[in-house]
Protein backbone atom coordinates (compact mmCIF):
# COMPACT_ATOMS: atom_id res chain seq x y z
CA MET A 1 92.26 140.67 53.50
CA ILE A 2 92.94 141.70 57.13
CA ILE A 3 93.14 139.35 60.11
CA VAL A 4 93.71 140.68 63.63
CA GLU A 5 94.02 138.25 66.54
CA ASN A 6 94.32 139.27 70.21
CA LEU A 7 96.30 142.38 69.32
CA VAL A 8 97.94 144.20 72.25
CA LYS A 9 99.80 147.51 72.39
CA ARG A 10 101.07 148.89 75.71
CA TYR A 11 102.41 152.27 76.75
CA GLY A 12 104.02 151.50 80.08
CA SER A 13 101.34 149.85 82.20
CA HIS A 14 98.53 151.23 80.02
CA ARG A 15 97.04 148.92 77.40
CA ALA A 16 96.03 151.24 74.57
CA VAL A 17 94.98 148.17 72.57
CA ASP A 18 93.86 145.32 74.78
CA GLY A 19 93.49 142.02 72.94
CA ILE A 20 91.26 143.03 70.03
CA THR A 21 90.24 140.55 67.34
CA PHE A 22 88.49 141.19 64.02
CA GLU A 23 88.67 140.45 60.30
CA VAL A 24 88.04 142.57 57.21
CA ALA A 25 87.05 141.02 53.90
CA LYS A 26 88.45 142.11 50.55
CA GLY A 27 86.47 145.08 49.24
CA GLU A 28 84.85 145.81 52.61
CA LEU A 29 84.56 149.21 54.28
CA PHE A 30 85.07 148.38 57.97
CA GLY A 31 84.47 151.05 60.59
CA LEU A 32 86.31 151.30 63.91
CA LEU A 33 83.85 153.30 65.99
CA GLY A 34 84.69 154.67 69.41
CA PRO A 35 85.38 157.80 71.47
CA ASN A 36 88.63 159.72 71.41
CA GLY A 37 91.28 157.72 73.23
CA ALA A 38 89.57 154.38 72.64
CA GLY A 39 92.58 152.89 70.81
CA LYS A 40 91.54 153.42 67.19
CA THR A 41 94.62 155.35 66.04
CA THR A 42 96.97 153.02 67.92
CA THR A 43 95.36 150.05 66.15
CA ILE A 44 95.94 151.73 62.79
CA GLY A 45 99.53 152.46 63.81
CA VAL A 46 100.20 148.78 64.50
CA LEU A 47 98.45 147.51 61.36
CA SER A 48 100.31 150.00 59.17
CA THR A 49 103.66 148.82 60.65
CA LEU A 50 104.37 152.18 62.31
CA LEU A 51 104.11 150.76 65.83
CA PRO A 52 105.28 147.36 67.10
CA ALA A 53 102.66 145.19 68.78
CA ASP A 54 103.26 143.84 72.28
CA GLY A 55 101.09 140.80 71.77
CA GLY A 56 98.87 138.97 69.33
CA ARG A 57 99.29 138.99 65.58
CA ALA A 58 97.94 140.63 62.45
CA SER A 59 98.24 140.01 58.73
CA ILE A 60 97.26 141.97 55.62
CA GLY A 61 96.90 140.26 52.28
CA GLY A 62 98.68 137.22 53.71
CA HIS A 63 101.69 139.25 54.91
CA ASP A 64 102.42 139.20 58.63
CA VAL A 65 102.55 142.76 59.96
CA ALA A 66 105.50 142.06 62.27
CA GLY A 67 107.32 139.45 60.17
CA ASP A 68 106.93 141.02 56.72
CA PRO A 69 106.39 144.78 57.13
CA GLY A 70 107.71 145.48 53.64
CA GLY A 71 105.08 143.23 52.11
CA VAL A 72 102.38 144.97 54.13
CA ARG A 73 103.56 148.45 53.14
CA ARG A 74 103.37 147.60 49.46
CA LEU A 75 99.68 146.81 49.88
CA ILE A 76 98.49 149.66 52.08
CA GLY A 77 97.80 153.36 51.88
CA VAL A 78 97.52 155.45 55.05
CA VAL A 79 95.63 158.72 55.43
CA PRO A 80 96.50 159.92 58.95
CA GLN A 81 94.40 162.18 61.12
CA GLU A 82 97.08 164.87 60.88
CA ILE A 83 97.58 166.45 57.46
CA ALA A 84 100.68 164.80 55.90
CA LEU A 85 101.42 167.39 53.22
CA TYR A 86 104.14 169.94 52.54
CA GLN A 87 102.48 173.31 52.95
CA ASP A 88 104.98 175.20 50.78
CA LEU A 89 104.54 172.85 47.80
CA ASN A 90 101.62 172.91 45.43
CA ALA A 91 99.11 170.07 45.16
CA ARG A 92 100.72 168.45 42.13
CA ASP A 93 104.24 168.51 43.59
CA ASN A 94 102.99 166.99 46.85
CA LEU A 95 101.56 164.02 44.96
CA LEU A 96 104.67 163.70 42.79
CA PHE A 97 106.82 163.61 45.92
CA TRP A 98 104.73 160.89 47.59
CA GLY A 99 104.61 158.93 44.35
CA ARG A 100 108.41 158.91 44.11
CA ILE A 101 108.63 157.80 47.74
CA HIS A 102 106.66 154.74 46.60
CA GLY A 103 109.06 154.13 43.72
CA LEU A 104 106.86 155.55 40.97
CA GLY A 105 108.11 157.84 38.26
CA GLY A 106 107.99 158.96 34.65
CA LYS A 107 104.86 159.35 32.57
CA ALA A 108 102.93 156.79 34.62
CA LEU A 109 103.35 158.86 37.78
CA GLY A 110 102.36 162.07 36.00
CA THR A 111 99.22 160.43 34.66
CA ARG A 112 98.36 159.02 38.08
CA VAL A 113 98.76 162.45 39.70
CA GLU A 114 96.48 164.12 37.17
CA ARG A 115 93.81 161.44 37.60
CA LEU A 116 93.89 161.73 41.38
CA LEU A 117 93.68 165.51 41.29
CA GLU A 118 90.56 165.21 39.16
CA LEU A 119 89.19 162.48 41.44
CA VAL A 120 89.43 164.72 44.51
CA ALA A 121 88.19 167.78 42.57
CA LEU A 122 91.49 169.66 42.82
CA GLY A 123 92.47 169.69 39.15
CA GLU A 124 91.97 173.45 38.91
CA HIS A 125 94.17 173.94 41.97
CA ALA A 126 97.08 171.70 40.92
CA ARG A 127 99.60 174.59 40.90
CA GLN A 128 98.29 176.19 44.07
CA LYS A 129 100.33 175.95 47.28
CA VAL A 130 98.78 173.78 49.98
CA GLU A 131 99.17 176.55 52.56
CA THR A 132 96.42 178.47 50.71
CA PHE A 133 93.97 175.54 50.75
CA SER A 134 90.85 175.31 52.89
CA GLY A 135 90.58 172.51 55.45
CA GLY A 136 88.39 170.46 53.13
CA MET A 137 90.80 170.83 50.20
CA LYS A 138 93.70 169.70 52.38
CA ARG A 139 91.73 166.66 53.52
CA ARG A 140 90.96 165.68 49.92
CA LEU A 141 94.60 166.08 48.90
CA ASN A 142 95.64 164.09 51.97
CA LEU A 143 93.37 161.32 50.69
CA ALA A 144 94.90 161.52 47.21
CA ALA A 145 98.38 161.13 48.72
CA GLY A 146 97.25 157.91 50.39
CA LEU A 147 96.01 156.62 47.03
CA ILE A 148 98.99 157.63 44.88
CA HIS A 149 100.44 154.10 44.64
CA ASN A 150 97.06 152.44 44.03
CA PRO A 151 96.96 150.46 47.31
CA GLU A 152 94.76 147.42 47.90
CA VAL A 153 93.97 148.50 51.47
CA LEU A 154 93.38 152.05 52.69
CA PHE A 155 93.49 153.18 56.32
CA LEU A 156 91.50 156.35 57.00
CA ASP A 157 92.02 157.73 60.50
CA GLU A 158 89.35 160.32 61.41
CA PRO A 159 89.55 161.88 57.92
CA THR A 160 86.80 164.47 58.47
CA VAL A 161 88.07 166.06 61.68
CA GLY A 162 88.16 169.84 61.58
CA ILE A 163 86.30 170.50 58.32
CA ASP A 164 82.94 172.15 57.68
CA ALA A 165 79.74 170.30 56.85
CA GLN A 166 79.89 170.92 53.10
CA ALA A 167 83.50 169.72 52.81
CA ARG A 168 82.67 166.74 54.97
CA THR A 169 79.79 165.74 52.72
CA LYS A 170 82.05 165.87 49.65
CA LEU A 171 84.75 163.80 51.33
CA LEU A 172 82.31 161.16 52.54
CA ALA A 173 80.85 160.85 49.05
CA LEU A 174 84.35 160.36 47.65
CA ILE A 175 85.14 157.65 50.21
CA GLY A 176 81.85 155.95 49.42
CA ASP A 177 82.80 155.89 45.74
CA LEU A 178 86.18 154.30 46.55
CA ALA A 179 84.44 151.60 48.56
CA ALA A 180 81.95 151.01 45.74
CA ASP A 181 84.91 150.45 43.41
CA GLY A 182 86.09 147.59 45.63
CA LEU A 183 88.87 149.18 47.69
CA THR A 184 89.30 147.59 51.14
CA ILE A 185 89.04 150.37 53.74
CA ILE A 186 89.40 150.60 57.51
CA TYR A 187 87.74 153.81 58.63
CA THR A 188 88.14 155.14 62.17
CA THR A 189 85.66 157.68 63.48
CA HIS A 190 83.87 158.90 66.57
CA TYR A 191 81.03 160.27 64.45
CA LEU A 192 78.06 157.88 64.59
CA GLU A 193 76.43 159.25 61.47
CA GLU A 194 79.57 158.59 59.41
CA ALA A 195 79.71 154.97 60.51
CA GLU A 196 76.02 154.51 59.78
CA GLN A 197 76.30 156.13 56.35
CA LEU A 198 79.49 154.50 55.06
CA CYS A 199 80.44 151.27 56.74
CA HIS A 200 79.52 147.74 55.69
CA ARG A 201 80.46 146.39 59.12
CA ILE A 202 81.42 148.09 62.36
CA GLY A 203 83.69 147.27 65.27
CA VAL A 204 82.86 149.19 68.45
CA ILE A 205 86.03 149.85 70.43
CA ASP A 206 86.27 151.27 73.95
CA GLN A 207 89.26 151.53 76.30
CA GLY A 208 91.32 149.39 73.95
CA ARG A 209 88.80 146.54 73.82
CA MET A 210 86.56 145.49 70.94
CA VAL A 211 83.17 145.37 72.63
CA ALA A 212 81.10 144.45 69.54
CA VAL A 213 81.66 143.57 65.88
CA GLY A 214 79.13 143.03 63.12
CA ASP A 215 76.74 144.48 60.57
CA LYS A 216 75.05 147.67 61.73
CA GLU A 217 71.62 146.02 61.74
CA ASP A 218 72.91 142.99 63.65
CA LEU A 219 74.56 145.18 66.27
CA ILE A 220 71.46 147.29 66.80
CA SER A 221 69.33 144.15 67.10
CA GLN A 222 71.35 143.26 70.22
CA ILE A 223 69.38 145.90 72.13
CA GLY A 224 66.06 144.96 70.54
CA ASP A 225 63.88 146.77 68.06
CA GLU A 226 61.70 148.65 70.55
CA ASP A 227 61.58 152.38 71.17
CA ARG A 228 62.07 153.65 74.70
CA VAL A 229 60.00 156.59 75.90
CA ARG A 230 61.44 158.23 79.01
CA VAL A 231 59.21 160.59 80.93
CA GLN A 232 59.81 162.56 84.10
CA VAL A 233 56.92 162.95 86.53
CA PRO A 234 56.87 163.32 90.34
CA SER A 235 58.17 160.14 91.94
CA GLU A 236 54.96 159.67 93.95
CA ARG A 237 53.07 159.34 90.63
CA HIS A 238 55.36 156.65 89.18
CA ARG A 239 53.14 153.78 90.30
CA ALA A 240 49.99 155.35 88.85
CA LEU A 241 51.64 156.08 85.50
CA THR A 242 53.11 152.57 85.38
CA SER A 243 49.67 151.03 85.90
CA ALA A 244 48.16 153.22 83.19
CA ALA A 245 50.97 152.73 80.66
CA GLU A 246 50.85 148.94 80.96
CA THR A 247 47.33 149.06 79.48
CA TRP A 248 48.31 151.10 76.41
CA PRO A 249 48.55 149.26 73.05
CA GLY A 250 52.03 148.09 72.08
CA VAL A 251 53.65 148.69 75.50
CA ASP A 252 55.97 145.86 76.44
CA SER A 253 57.20 147.02 79.85
CA VAL A 254 57.55 150.00 82.15
CA SER A 255 60.52 150.46 84.49
CA GLU A 256 62.23 153.13 86.54
CA ARG A 257 65.58 154.42 85.28
CA ARG A 258 67.53 157.16 87.04
CA GLY A 259 64.45 158.85 88.46
CA LYS A 260 62.43 158.61 85.24
CA LEU A 261 59.96 156.09 83.93
CA GLU A 262 61.02 154.22 80.80
CA ILE A 263 58.27 152.80 78.61
CA ARG A 264 59.42 150.16 76.11
CA VAL A 265 57.10 150.11 73.12
CA ALA A 266 57.14 149.09 69.46
CA ASP A 267 56.33 152.66 68.32
CA GLY A 268 57.27 155.49 70.64
CA GLY A 269 55.01 157.93 68.85
CA ALA A 270 51.94 155.77 69.54
CA VAL A 271 52.13 156.28 73.32
CA LEU A 272 52.33 160.07 73.18
CA PRO A 273 48.54 160.70 72.86
CA PRO A 274 47.56 158.44 75.79
CA LEU A 275 50.47 159.84 77.81
CA GLN A 276 49.33 163.40 77.20
CA ALA A 277 45.75 162.44 78.08
CA TRP A 278 46.91 160.80 81.33
CA LEU A 279 48.95 163.85 82.32
CA ALA A 280 46.00 166.16 81.64
CA ALA A 281 43.66 163.96 83.67
CA GLU A 282 46.11 163.94 86.57
CA GLY A 283 46.68 167.71 86.37
CA LEU A 284 50.39 167.23 85.80
CA ASP A 285 52.80 169.19 83.64
CA LEU A 286 55.35 167.30 81.57
CA ALA A 287 58.82 168.06 82.94
CA GLN A 288 60.83 166.04 80.41
CA LEU A 289 60.11 163.58 77.61
CA GLU A 290 62.59 161.63 75.48
CA VAL A 291 61.93 159.10 72.70
CA ILE A 292 64.96 156.88 72.05
CA ARG A 293 64.98 154.74 68.93
CA PRO A 294 67.41 151.82 68.48
CA ASN A 295 70.58 153.03 66.76
CA LEU A 296 74.35 152.83 67.08
CA GLU A 297 74.41 155.40 69.85
CA THR A 298 71.96 153.50 72.04
CA LEU A 299 73.96 150.34 71.34
CA TYR A 300 77.16 152.08 72.42
CA LEU A 301 75.56 153.47 75.55
CA ASN A 302 74.32 150.01 76.44
CA LEU A 303 77.74 148.45 75.87
CA THR A 304 79.86 151.05 77.63
CA GLY A 305 77.57 153.27 79.68
CA ARG A 306 78.97 156.45 78.18
CA GLY A 307 78.63 158.57 75.07
CA LEU A 308 80.94 158.50 72.08
CA ARG A 309 82.09 162.09 72.55
CA GLU A 310 82.88 161.90 76.27
């Protein structure tokens, strides 16, 4: 459904999107995961025909984004990070307006509006002005506006920013239902848990470059399936702890990392009892202990050397 090849977008000498390549299958929920400023929103801007590319190519549903923007726009819905609603109109009138922008009208539009209001749990608030809505209600109505013309592809750009945990849970469940119904979705986020919960496949983007693409399990397997136990003890005791840890069951290796010892082991919890026993025998107090299990965050740290929220 979506093909992106060596896409480039520059702002002056800065490459906001620097030669990224990926594909999205029909009915797939594809996550663009990366920190703020990584190039996610700029990528969405190019794919949705709002920004011209400076290199590469992209197509959606067989329509070239640069050569046939009208064909692309007929296929896509866009839910931007900023709320794209008229605050002084009510929920129903907002959806009617956006429907007419897409060339809809008459009874069919009215029926579509009512169905979407029910879908996003705003049917009881149809006549209420948007300016009175909570952040979560506005986000759900923003989503409905992106769906008003029944698009084949939906772009969701950080759709849960600025809402509370309960509203976020509701919105994520709604997006999951849309994906289950077969809608093709590109979902940008810097929240690891959202990508893990929702996305079929994930592209990790950093500084405009796509540094990894694949299924979540495949990406995590790149860093292995071992836990890493990091422990801080006096540096003069590193050699003694290394010798002891290498004899513990399941330990694969022990190395020094930024002043701490890192024990790679199949089950991090299994080394805690012998570690505590060793510390007690040596008369040492535990200054710091960290058990790191393979996940998207450890993958990202390995790929880029920095956290998603930096």
